[in-house]
Protein backbone atom coordinates (compact mmCIF):
# COMPACT_ATOMS: atom_id res chain seq x y z
CA UNK A 1 -0.20 -0.10 -0.04
CA UNK A 2 1.31 3.27 -1.08
CA UNK A 3 1.25 6.03 2.02
CA UNK A 4 -1.71 8.03 0.76
CA UNK A 5 -3.65 4.91 0.45
CA UNK A 6 -5.78 3.27 3.43
CA UNK A 7 -7.10 -0.33 3.56
CA UNK A 8 -10.33 -1.29 5.84
CA UNK A 9 -12.77 -3.84 6.32
CA UNK A 10 -15.73 -1.57 5.93
CA UNK A 11 -15.69 2.01 4.44
CA UNK A 12 -19.00 3.77 5.36
CA UNK A 13 -19.67 7.31 3.40
CA UNK A 14 -21.86 9.59 5.75
CA UNK A 15 -22.61 9.32 9.60
CA UNK A 16 -26.20 10.17 10.15
CA UNK A 17 -28.25 7.61 11.75
CA UNK A 18 -28.06 5.21 8.98
CA UNK A 19 -24.34 5.36 8.36
CA UNK A 20 -23.66 5.53 12.32
CA UNK A 21 -25.95 2.34 13.08
CA UNK A 22 -24.12 0.59 10.39
CA UNK A 23 -20.70 1.62 11.73
CA UNK A 24 -21.73 0.61 15.31
CA UNK A 25 -23.11 -3.05 14.17
CA UNK A 26 -20.08 -3.62 12.30
CA UNK A 27 -17.59 -2.51 14.76
CA UNK A 28 -19.41 -4.64 17.60
CA UNK A 29 -18.57 -7.72 15.62
CA UNK A 30 -15.09 -6.69 15.17
CA UNK A 31 -14.69 -5.26 11.72
CA UNK A 32 -12.24 -2.36 11.17
CA UNK A 33 -14.57 0.70 10.18
CA UNK A 34 -13.39 3.68 8.43
CA UNK A 35 -16.33 6.54 8.55
CA UNK A 36 -16.16 9.82 6.29
CA UNK A 37 -17.70 12.75 6.25
CA UNK A 38 -17.38 15.95 4.02
CA UNK A 39 -18.28 18.31 7.00
CA UNK A 40 -15.68 19.31 9.54
CA UNK A 41 -18.06 18.74 12.36
CA UNK A 42 -19.10 15.03 12.79
CA UNK A 43 -22.53 15.47 13.84
CA UNK A 44 -23.57 17.64 10.69
CA UNK A 45 -25.82 15.43 8.75
CA UNK A 46 -29.54 15.42 7.80
CA UNK A 47 -30.32 13.31 10.88
CA UNK A 48 -29.19 16.31 12.78
CA UNK A 49 -31.84 18.54 11.70
CA UNK A 50 -35.07 15.81 11.99
CA UNK A 51 -37.12 17.88 14.40
CA UNK A 52 -40.28 15.69 14.17
CA UNK A 53 -39.16 12.47 15.92
CA UNK A 54 -38.77 8.62 14.89
CA UNK A 55 -41.91 6.09 14.16
CA UNK A 56 -42.75 3.42 16.94
CA UNK A 57 -45.70 1.53 17.79
CA UNK A 58 -47.99 3.37 20.60
CA UNK A 59 -50.15 1.80 23.46
CA UNK A 60 -53.11 1.28 20.99
CA UNK A 61 -51.12 0.59 17.90
CA UNK A 62 -50.12 -2.40 15.84
CA UNK A 63 -47.70 -3.22 12.78
CA UNK A 64 -50.79 -3.84 10.29
CA UNK A 65 -51.98 -0.49 10.94
CA UNK A 66 -48.88 1.37 10.64
CA UNK A 67 -48.27 -0.74 7.40
CA UNK A 68 -51.58 0.35 6.05
CA UNK A 69 -50.75 4.11 6.81
CA UNK A 70 -47.42 3.95 4.97
CA UNK A 71 -48.81 2.18 1.78
CA UNK A 72 -51.71 4.48 1.80
CA UNK A 73 -49.54 7.48 1.81
CA UNK A 74 -47.18 5.80 -0.74
CA UNK A 75 -50.03 5.49 -3.21
CA UNK A 76 -49.84 1.94 -2.97
CA UNK A 77 -46.40 1.34 -4.99
CA UNK A 78 -44.34 0.56 -1.90
CA UNK A 79 -42.13 -2.58 -1.67
CA UNK A 80 -44.50 -4.98 0.68
CA UNK A 81 -41.60 -6.82 1.83
CA UNK A 82 -39.62 -3.57 2.97
CA UNK A 83 -42.54 -2.10 4.74
CA UNK A 84 -43.06 -5.50 6.40
CA UNK A 85 -39.56 -5.27 7.80
CA UNK A 86 -39.67 -1.79 8.84
CA UNK A 87 -43.00 -2.32 10.95
CA UNK A 88 -41.87 -6.00 12.34
CA UNK A 89 -38.17 -4.82 13.22
CA UNK A 90 -38.57 -1.17 13.78
CA UNK A 91 -40.24 -1.07 17.34
CA UNK A 92 -37.49 -3.71 18.65
CA UNK A 93 -34.78 -1.56 17.15
CA UNK A 94 -35.76 1.88 18.76
CA UNK A 95 -36.14 0.03 22.17
CA UNK A 96 -32.77 -2.06 21.80
CA UNK A 97 -30.29 0.58 20.06
CA UNK A 98 -31.75 3.83 20.88
CA UNK A 99 -33.54 3.21 24.32
CA UNK A 100 -31.15 0.77 25.85
CA UNK A 101 -27.86 1.10 24.19
CA UNK A 102 -27.60 5.06 23.46
CA UNK A 103 -30.08 6.13 26.38
CA UNK A 104 -31.88 8.47 24.15
CA UNK A 105 -34.15 10.67 26.59
CA UNK A 106 -37.50 10.65 24.73
CA UNK A 107 -40.01 12.99 25.87
CA UNK A 108 -42.33 11.41 28.40
CA UNK A 109 -45.82 11.76 29.58
CA UNK A 110 -45.24 10.76 33.10
CA UNK A 111 -41.97 8.86 34.83
CA UNK A 112 -42.98 5.31 33.04
CA UNK A 113 -44.73 6.57 30.10
CA UNK A 114 -43.18 7.61 26.55
CA UNK A 115 -45.09 10.42 24.92
CA UNK A 116 -46.24 9.86 21.54
CA UNK A 117 -46.85 12.69 18.94
CA UNK A 118 -49.18 12.31 15.85
CA UNK A 119 -48.46 13.78 12.49
CA UNK A 120 -49.87 13.75 8.98
CA UNK A 121 -51.14 10.56 7.47
CA UNK A 122 -50.85 8.58 10.86
CA UNK A 123 -53.73 6.95 12.57
CA UNK A 124 -52.43 6.77 15.82
CA UNK A 125 -50.01 8.67 17.91
CA UNK A 126 -47.17 6.73 17.60
CA UNK A 127 -44.07 8.94 17.20
CA UNK A 128 -41.34 9.26 19.56
CA UNK A 129 -39.67 12.76 20.36
CA UNK A 130 -37.35 14.66 22.06
CA UNK A 131 -39.41 18.01 22.18
CA UNK A 132 -38.58 19.30 18.38
CA UNK A 133 -34.81 18.13 18.44
CA UNK A 134 -34.98 14.63 18.02
CA UNK A 135 -32.46 14.16 15.45
CA UNK A 136 -29.83 16.48 17.10
CA UNK A 137 -29.92 14.26 20.28
CA UNK A 138 -29.99 11.19 18.22
CA UNK A 139 -26.94 12.42 16.23
CA UNK A 140 -24.68 13.37 19.04
CA UNK A 141 -25.31 10.19 20.93
CA UNK A 142 -24.63 8.05 18.01
CA UNK A 143 -21.11 10.13 17.31
CA UNK A 144 -20.19 9.73 20.96
CA UNK A 145 -20.75 6.07 20.75
CA UNK A 146 -18.54 5.95 17.77
CA UNK A 147 -15.67 7.56 19.37
CA UNK A 148 -15.58 4.93 21.98
CA UNK A 149 -14.80 2.13 19.44
CA UNK A 150 -11.17 1.66 18.79
CA UNK A 151 -11.63 -0.27 15.41
CA UNK A 152 -13.56 2.79 14.23
CA UNK A 153 -11.73 5.51 12.37
CA UNK A 154 -13.69 8.87 11.88
CA UNK A 155 -12.44 11.27 9.23
CA UNK A 156 -14.20 14.55 8.68
CA UNK A 157 -13.71 17.24 6.12
CA UNK A 158 -13.45 14.48 3.41
CA UNK A 159 -15.28 14.25 0.38
CA UNK A 160 -16.10 11.02 -1.59
CA UNK A 161 -15.18 11.73 -5.34
CA UNK A 162 -15.89 8.45 -6.83
CA UNK A 163 -16.76 5.06 -6.29
CA UNK A 164 -13.62 2.78 -6.67
CA UNK A 165 -14.56 -0.37 -8.89
CA UNK A 166 -12.72 -3.04 -10.78
CA UNK A 167 -12.48 -3.24 -14.03
CA UNK A 168 -13.41 0.66 -14.24
CA UNK A 169 -10.33 1.75 -12.13
CA UNK A 170 -7.91 -1.04 -12.82
CA UNK A 171 -4.75 -0.91 -15.28
CA UNK A 172 -5.00 -4.38 -15.98
CA UNK A 173 -6.78 -5.15 -19.36
CA UNK A 174 -7.75 -8.66 -18.25
CA UNK A 175 -10.02 -7.09 -15.24
CA UNK A 176 -12.60 -6.35 -17.62
CA UNK A 177 -13.45 -9.99 -18.10
CA UNK A 178 -14.56 -10.01 -14.16
CA UNK A 179 -18.14 -8.86 -12.88
CA UNK A 180 -17.83 -5.36 -11.77
CA UNK A 181 -17.01 -5.06 -8.14
CA UNK A 182 -16.81 -1.95 -5.71
CA UNK A 183 -13.43 -2.00 -3.85
CA UNK A 184 -13.55 1.25 -2.09
CA UNK A 185 -13.80 5.17 -3.14
CA UNK A 186 -11.42 8.04 -4.10
CA UNK A 187 -11.71 10.52 -1.19
CA UNK A 188 -10.75 14.11 -1.39
CA UNK A 189 -9.06 15.71 1.75
CA UNK A 190 -10.85 18.97 1.95
CA UNK A 191 -8.13 20.75 3.43
CA UNK A 192 -5.18 19.63 1.48
CA UNK A 193 -6.85 19.29 -1.60
CA UNK A 194 -5.32 15.83 -2.37
CA UNK A 195 -7.26 12.82 -3.30
CA UNK A 196 -6.41 9.34 -2.05
CA UNK A 197 -8.05 5.69 -2.40
CA UNK A 198 -9.63 3.97 0.86
CA UNK A 199 -10.07 0.63 -0.10
CA UNK A 200 -12.45 -1.60 1.56
CA UNK A 201 -13.74 -5.04 1.43
CA UNK A 202 -17.40 -3.59 1.82
CA UNK A 203 -18.38 0.19 0.83
CA UNK A 204 -21.93 1.46 2.61
CA UNK A 205 -23.21 4.67 1.15
CA UNK A 206 -25.14 6.46 3.72
CA UNK A 207 -24.68 10.23 2.11
CA UNK A 208 -28.39 11.46 2.49
CA UNK A 209 -30.60 13.23 0.15
CA UNK A 210 -30.48 15.95 -2.47
CA UNK A 211 -32.81 18.77 -1.29
CA UNK A 212 -30.04 21.26 -1.87
CA UNK A 213 -30.44 20.59 -5.66
CA UNK A 214 -33.66 22.79 -5.41
CA UNK A 215 -33.83 26.48 -4.74
CA UNK A 216 -35.80 26.23 -1.64
CA UNK A 217 -35.42 23.44 0.48
CA UNK A 218 -35.40 22.36 4.17
CA UNK A 219 -32.06 20.60 3.96
CA UNK A 220 -28.68 21.63 4.55
CA UNK A 221 -27.06 23.22 1.71
CA UNK A 222 -24.43 20.37 1.46
CA UNK A 223 -27.34 17.82 0.80
CA UNK A 224 -26.81 17.68 -2.87
CA UNK A 225 -27.05 13.97 -3.76
CA UNK A 226 -23.22 13.28 -3.78
CA UNK A 227 -24.36 9.33 -3.37
CA UNK A 228 -26.61 9.20 -6.31
CA UNK A 229 -24.24 10.61 -8.57
CA UNK A 230 -21.40 8.25 -7.55
CA UNK A 231 -23.54 4.99 -7.69
CA UNK A 232 -24.99 5.87 -10.87
CA UNK A 233 -21.37 6.49 -12.22
CA UNK A 234 -20.24 3.27 -10.80
CA UNK A 235 -23.11 1.35 -12.79
CA UNK A 236 -25.40 0.70 -9.68
CA UNK A 237 -29.33 1.00 -10.37
CA UNK A 238 -30.92 4.11 -9.66
CA UNK A 239 -35.14 4.13 -9.21
CA UNK A 240 -37.69 6.40 -8.49
CA UNK A 241 -35.70 9.64 -8.62
CA UNK A 242 -39.17 11.43 -9.99
CA UNK A 243 -40.45 11.15 -6.30
CA UNK A 244 -39.08 14.26 -4.59
CA UNK A 245 -41.14 15.08 -1.49
CA UNK A 246 -41.82 18.58 -0.62
CA UNK A 247 -42.29 19.46 3.22
CA UNK A 248 -45.35 21.82 3.33
CA UNK A 249 -43.80 24.40 5.65
CA UNK A 250 -40.33 25.80 6.15
CA UNK A 251 -40.15 29.30 7.53
CA UNK A 252 -40.48 32.16 5.23
CA UNK A 253 -37.94 34.69 5.87
CA UNK A 254 -35.52 36.08 3.93
CA UNK A 255 -32.71 35.56 6.47
CA UNK A 256 -33.85 31.87 7.46
CA UNK A 257 -32.26 29.65 5.15
CA UNK A 258 -34.76 26.98 4.89
CA UNK A 259 -35.55 26.55 8.67
CA UNK A 260 -38.07 23.43 8.70
CA UNK A 261 -41.18 23.89 10.82
CA UNK A 262 -41.82 20.42 11.98
CA UNK A 263 -45.07 18.61 10.96
CA UNK A 264 -45.82 17.63 14.65
CA UNK A 265 -47.12 21.44 15.11
CA UNK A 266 -49.86 20.43 13.03
CA UNK A 267 -50.26 17.04 14.70
CA UNK A 268 -50.62 18.92 18.37
CA UNK A 269 -53.25 21.24 16.28
CA UNK A 270 -51.87 24.00 14.46
CA UNK A 271 -53.90 25.06 11.28
CA UNK A 272 -52.84 26.57 8.01
CA UNK A 273 -54.53 29.74 6.85
CA UNK A 274 -54.40 31.94 3.88
CA UNK A 275 -52.70 35.55 4.24
CA UNK A 276 -56.14 36.93 5.11
CA UNK A 277 -56.51 34.44 8.08
CA UNK A 278 -58.97 32.07 6.41
CA UNK A 279 -58.13 28.16 7.20
CA UNK A 280 -58.18 26.55 3.85
CA UNK A 281 -57.09 22.77 4.22
CA UNK A 282 -60.88 21.67 4.41
CA UNK A 283 -61.13 22.52 0.62
CA UNK A 284 -58.26 19.80 -0.33
CA UNK A 285 -58.29 16.88 2.06
CA UNK A 286 -60.93 15.44 4.37
CA UNK A 287 -57.92 14.89 6.98
CA UNK A 288 -57.61 18.98 6.56
CA UNK A 289 -54.11 20.07 8.06
CA UNK A 290 -52.98 16.24 8.65
CA UNK A 291 -53.40 15.12 5.24
CA UNK A 292 -50.47 13.45 3.43
CA UNK A 293 -47.64 15.81 2.89
CA UNK A 294 -47.79 16.04 -0.85
CA UNK A 295 -51.47 16.97 -0.73
CA UNK A 296 -50.85 19.59 1.82
CA UNK A 297 -48.05 20.89 -0.12
CA UNK A 298 -50.00 21.16 -3.48
CA UNK A 299 -52.70 22.63 -1.33
CA UNK A 300 -50.46 25.56 -0.19
CA UNK A 301 -48.93 25.95 -3.40
CA UNK A 302 -52.58 26.39 -4.89
CA UNK A 303 -53.76 28.57 -2.06
CA UNK A 304 -50.55 30.90 -2.81
CA UNK A 305 -51.45 31.16 -6.64
CA UNK A 306 -55.10 31.96 -5.71
CA UNK A 307 -54.23 34.83 -3.47
CA UNK A 308 -51.11 35.90 -5.22
CA UNK A 309 -48.96 35.42 -2.17
CA UNK A 310 -45.45 34.10 -1.34
CA UNK A 311 -46.66 32.59 1.53
CA UNK A 312 -49.22 30.93 3.94
CA UNK A 313 -49.60 31.22 7.60
CA UNK A 314 -49.35 28.70 10.11
CA UNK A 315 -51.07 29.58 13.44
CA UNK A 316 -50.15 27.46 16.70
CA UNK A 317 -51.30 30.25 18.98
CA UNK A 318 -55.02 29.79 18.45
CA UNK A 319 -55.16 26.16 18.29
CA UNK A 320 -52.27 24.35 20.07
CA UNK A 321 -53.31 23.34 23.55
CA UNK A 322 -49.90 22.13 24.95
CA UNK A 323 -47.23 24.49 26.10
CA UNK A 324 -45.81 25.53 23.03
CA UNK A 325 -42.62 26.92 24.50
CA UNK A 326 -41.80 23.47 26.24
CA UNK A 327 -43.20 21.26 23.42
CA UNK A 328 -41.39 23.16 20.56
CA UNK A 329 -38.57 24.91 22.11
CA UNK A 330 -36.38 25.10 18.87
CA UNK A 331 -38.78 26.42 16.88
CA UNK A 332 -40.11 28.74 19.23
CA UNK A 333 -36.40 30.10 19.77
CA UNK A 334 -35.71 30.23 16.04
CA UNK A 335 -38.61 32.03 15.10
CA UNK A 336 -38.15 34.48 17.89
CA UNK A 337 -34.59 35.46 16.44
CA UNK A 338 -36.55 36.44 13.31
CA UNK A 339 -39.17 38.70 15.43
CA UNK A 340 -41.90 35.89 15.43
CA UNK A 341 -43.44 35.19 18.50
CA UNK A 342 -45.28 31.43 18.04
CA UNK A 343 -47.30 31.82 21.07
CA UNK A 344 -48.72 35.05 19.89
CA UNK A 345 -47.91 35.21 16.03
CA UNK A 346 -48.67 32.73 12.99
CA UNK A 347 -45.64 31.51 11.11
CA UNK A 348 -45.15 32.61 7.70
CA UNK A 349 -44.31 29.46 5.62
CA UNK A 350 -43.81 27.98 2.16
CA UNK A 351 -43.07 24.49 0.88
CA UNK A 352 -39.40 23.21 0.32
CA UNK A 353 -37.77 20.13 -1.34
CA UNK A 354 -37.46 17.74 1.62
CA UNK A 355 -36.92 13.92 0.89
CA UNK A 356 -35.80 11.91 -1.90
CA UNK A 357 -38.30 8.97 -1.88
CA UNK A 358 -36.33 7.11 -4.82
CA UNK A 359 -32.28 6.36 -5.05
CA UNK A 360 -30.00 3.71 -5.06
CA UNK A 361 -32.34 0.39 -5.37
CA UNK A 362 -31.28 -1.96 -2.50
CA UNK A 363 -32.76 -5.45 -1.25
CA UNK A 364 -33.49 -6.16 2.02
CA UNK A 365 -30.12 -6.25 3.40
CA UNK A 366 -28.97 -2.70 1.82
CA UNK A 367 -27.19 -4.53 -1.11
CA UNK A 368 -27.14 -2.34 -4.50
CA UNK A 369 -26.70 -4.18 -7.87
CA UNK A 370 -22.90 -3.42 -7.99
CA UNK A 371 -21.09 -6.02 -5.86
CA UNK A 372 -19.59 -5.00 -2.71
CA UNK A 373 -21.82 -1.98 -2.40
CA UNK A 374 -24.39 -1.25 -0.04
CA UNK A 375 -26.59 2.20 0.54
CA UNK A 376 -28.83 2.74 3.48
CA UNK A 377 -30.77 5.71 4.66
CA UNK A 378 -32.28 8.48 2.30
CA UNK A 379 -29.62 7.58 -0.34
CA UNK A 380 -31.29 4.28 -0.77
CA UNK A 381 -34.42 3.02 -2.19
CA UNK A 382 -35.75 0.03 -0.16
CA UNK A 383 -39.21 0.73 -1.40
CA UNK A 384 -40.51 1.61 1.73
CA UNK A 385 -42.18 4.94 1.11
CA UNK A 386 -43.31 4.43 -2.43
CA UNK A 387 -44.39 7.34 -4.09
CA UNK A 388 -44.79 9.55 -1.02
CA UNK A 389 -43.19 9.21 2.56
CA UNK A 390 -45.37 8.75 5.89
CA UNK A 391 -43.81 11.63 8.21
CA UNK A 392 -41.02 10.47 10.55
CA UNK A 393 -40.43 6.86 9.13
CA UNK A 394 -37.15 8.12 7.65
CA UNK A 395 -35.04 7.96 10.83
CA UNK A 396 -36.67 4.49 11.55
CA UNK A 397 -35.69 3.15 7.97
CA UNK A 398 -32.22 4.54 8.22
CA UNK A 399 -31.91 2.73 11.50
CA UNK A 400 -33.14 -0.30 10.53
CA UNK A 401 -31.31 -0.64 7.09
CA UNK A 402 -28.05 0.54 8.62
CA UNK A 403 -28.23 -2.29 11.22
CA UNK A 404 -29.24 -4.95 8.53
CA UNK A 405 -26.56 -3.86 6.16
CA UNK A 406 -23.82 -4.24 8.85
CA UNK A 407 -25.42 -7.48 9.91
CA UNK A 408 -25.29 -8.82 6.23
CA UNK A 409 -21.79 -7.56 5.94
CA UNK A 410 -20.67 -9.32 9.01
CA UNK A 411 -22.16 -12.50 8.19
CA UNK A 412 -20.78 -12.71 4.44
CA UNK A 413 -17.41 -11.04 5.46
CA UNK A 414 -14.51 -12.29 3.82
CA UNK A 415 -12.17 -11.24 0.71
CA UNK A 416 -14.47 -11.51 -2.36
CA UNK A 417 -11.36 -11.77 -4.79
CA UNK A 418 -7.91 -10.82 -4.91
CA UNK A 419 -7.16 -7.27 -5.53
CA UNK A 420 -3.51 -6.18 -6.60
CA UNK A 421 -3.68 -2.33 -5.57
CA UNK A 422 -0.62 -1.48 -7.67
CA UNK A 423 -3.15 -2.18 -10.51
CA UNK A 424 -5.58 0.60 -9.49
CA UNK A 425 -5.14 4.05 -11.07
CA UNK A 426 -3.53 6.90 -9.05
CA UNK A 427 -5.94 9.93 -9.17
CA UNK A 428 -5.35 12.13 -12.26
CA UNK A 429 -4.62 15.64 -11.74
CA UNK A 430 -4.43 18.04 -14.56
CA UNK A 431 -1.12 19.36 -15.64
CA UNK A 432 -2.07 22.77 -15.21
CA UNK A 433 -4.81 23.33 -12.34
CA UNK A 434 -6.75 26.30 -12.66
CA UNK A 435 -8.08 28.15 -9.67
CA UNK A 436 -11.81 28.00 -8.88
CA UNK A 437 -13.69 31.16 -9.66
CA UNK A 438 -16.32 31.38 -6.92
CA UNK A 439 -18.45 33.48 -9.19
CA UNK A 440 -18.60 30.56 -11.58
CA UNK A 441 -19.41 27.85 -9.07
CA UNK A 442 -22.25 30.25 -7.29
CA UNK A 443 -23.66 30.78 -10.86
CA UNK A 444 -23.88 27.42 -12.08
CA UNK A 445 -25.47 26.17 -9.04
CA UNK A 446 -28.26 29.04 -9.30
CA UNK A 447 -29.25 27.83 -12.46
CA UNK A 448 -29.22 23.95 -11.43
CA UNK A 449 -31.43 24.95 -8.33
CA UNK A 450 -33.94 27.59 -10.34
CA UNK A 451 -34.31 25.30 -13.19
CA UNK A 452 -35.22 22.21 -10.98
CA UNK A 453 -37.76 24.44 -8.75
CA UNK A 454 -39.31 26.16 -11.46
CA UNK A 455 -39.42 23.16 -14.19
CA UNK A 456 -38.99 19.81 -11.97
CA UNK A 457 -40.64 21.04 -8.80
CA UNK A 458 -44.16 20.84 -7.05
CA UNK A 459 -46.26 20.89 -9.96
CA UNK A 460 -44.63 19.62 -13.26
CA UNK A 461 -45.80 19.59 -17.01
CA UNK A 462 -44.16 18.02 -19.89
CA UNK A 463 -43.13 21.54 -21.60
CA UNK A 464 -41.39 22.25 -18.16
CA UNK A 465 -39.67 19.05 -18.15
CA UNK A 466 -38.27 19.40 -21.56
CA UNK A 467 -37.11 22.68 -20.73
CA UNK A 468 -35.35 21.50 -17.78
CA UNK A 469 -33.64 18.76 -19.73
CA UNK A 470 -32.34 20.89 -22.24
CA UNK A 471 -31.15 23.67 -19.98
CA UNK A 472 -29.39 21.07 -17.65
CA UNK A 473 -27.95 19.20 -20.38
CA UNK A 474 -26.29 22.39 -21.88
CA UNK A 475 -25.05 23.19 -18.33
CA UNK A 476 -23.60 19.57 -17.89
CA UNK A 477 -21.17 19.94 -20.93
CA UNK A 478 -19.89 23.37 -19.23
CA UNK A 479 -19.45 22.20 -15.91
CA UNK A 480 -17.80 18.83 -16.86
CA UNK A 481 -15.10 20.90 -18.77
CA UNK A 482 -14.66 23.03 -16.05
CA UNK A 483 -14.30 20.04 -13.48
CA UNK A 484 -11.43 18.32 -15.69
CA UNK A 485 -9.38 21.63 -15.92
CA UNK A 486 -9.98 23.05 -12.19
CA UNK A 487 -8.01 22.53 -9.14
CA UNK A 488 -9.70 19.70 -7.04
CA UNK A 489 -11.79 21.36 -4.50
CA UNK A 490 -15.00 19.93 -2.66
CA UNK A 491 -17.14 22.53 -4.25
CA UNK A 492 -16.14 21.61 -7.67
CA UNK A 493 -16.90 18.07 -6.88
CA UNK A 494 -20.49 19.01 -5.56
CA UNK A 495 -21.04 20.72 -8.48
CA UNK A 496 -20.12 18.03 -10.84
CA UNK A 497 -22.28 15.53 -8.63
CA UNK A 498 -24.94 18.34 -8.41
CA UNK A 499 -25.56 18.55 -12.12
CA UNK A 500 -25.81 14.99 -12.47
CA UNK A 501 -28.41 14.58 -9.60
CA UNK A 502 -30.36 17.07 -11.46
CA UNK A 503 -30.49 15.59 -14.55
CA UNK A 504 -31.55 12.02 -12.67
CA UNK A 505 -34.64 13.62 -11.43
CA UNK A 506 -35.52 15.10 -14.54
CA UNK A 507 -35.08 12.25 -16.79
CA UNK A 508 -37.20 10.23 -14.24
CA UNK A 509 -39.80 12.68 -14.10
CA UNK A 510 -40.06 12.85 -17.97
CA UNK A 511 -40.05 9.18 -18.26
CA UNK A 512 -43.01 8.43 -16.11
CA UNK A 513 -46.17 9.61 -17.50
CA UNK A 514 -48.34 8.77 -14.37
CA UNK A 515 -49.06 11.50 -11.89
CA UNK A 516 -48.98 9.72 -8.32
CA UNK A 517 -47.79 10.87 -4.98
CA UNK A 518 -44.84 13.34 -4.80
CA UNK A 519 -44.66 13.14 -8.90
CA UNK A 520 -47.41 15.37 -9.77
CA UNK A 521 -48.02 16.17 -13.59
CA UNK A 522 -50.54 19.11 -14.66
CA UNK A 523 -52.06 18.56 -18.09
């Protein structure tokens, strides 16, 4: 091995709930694990920003009812096998890992009773939460536990550039006679700007979603879908990318960068109102404000158009019976920073890109179609969500499949085939590396995000999608030339991944003529 190369049993790219649970399960079983994240702060992940909670089963609840809610919300195209796994294994995973091992302090209605919240699409109160900072607490606990394992190496400020595969990255022409295998990844050190190879017997993508390829999103700005782009480039199957769930309620304020107002506030009784103060959800759904997210989102979108407004209002003060400051401390504190007292004032909200329902196709153990490569969490498509996601099922899916993937890796671990690492291409740097002009990066991202929002967003038409494809394909050629000539940097890598993801979404939307769930086509 060369000094700029590493070798490990398992490489995990991303450390939200899915990646972290996979890492811990693999480490428990004695495997050497390397976890990389492109952020400098290890807790920075989509999980960290999850407010609402995680689905379990309440006192008067049962798996079949949860299954019915998931499939109804998913418009019936869910993978029944995956849904069965989630509803039968989920509660036990929450109790064993989150409650017993990590000691997550879920909110309680009494000393002996957990407090279950309700959100849109659910038939029961079944969502465990920690006020409105559930994801933050879970993520911090996971990172603390990962740090306690001597066989886990945590590498922050590392950007995954490309999935390493044989034969694609091999110098040996005879390797092309073999079936394609993933053997790790090329990884950029964001500080040194150098790319090195991390070789692994098994590689797990846990890179999260791609909400930030849209102009308005509840995701952090780094959530641009790197995993989808790398898996596609490596030849793994990608499915259902047209199904992009938009969260109905993100804070509308020029200085608030996509702050999410949890669906659980409507679960506690909050109502949506038009700018003139009138409730409107009763016109669009029989569950009113607790309808499925795609229907609530489109209702808000329609209402904004009807009254020529940039936002609608979310009223907690008039309807929520619990102590607002105690139940939603983070939302209260954040809104107050922008001059909104949610105990007295309604919150101006707009829809925002929130969750990718499709992704890298995986089986019941998180295996992709590419040997040696697994995918877990939002980057994967297990089929649990179908065409639309039931609220607060995403953290549970990440926990269940992260654990299952590591269990499968452990039980099937062993060298797949001999790899001569000297046969693997070193990273190629341009002879003359051009410095990156941030103005070009910013403008290209604005073009990508505006195009997706306007043409491949909440309401789609064939003409809009065709325009999106033409504009994005033109932009891709410029970005690829830019990438090949520029000095290696996380920003240029992200831009290359982002344009690929934008096209994957647009192509999928164009190829699906059926309007369903989060893929809404207007005649």
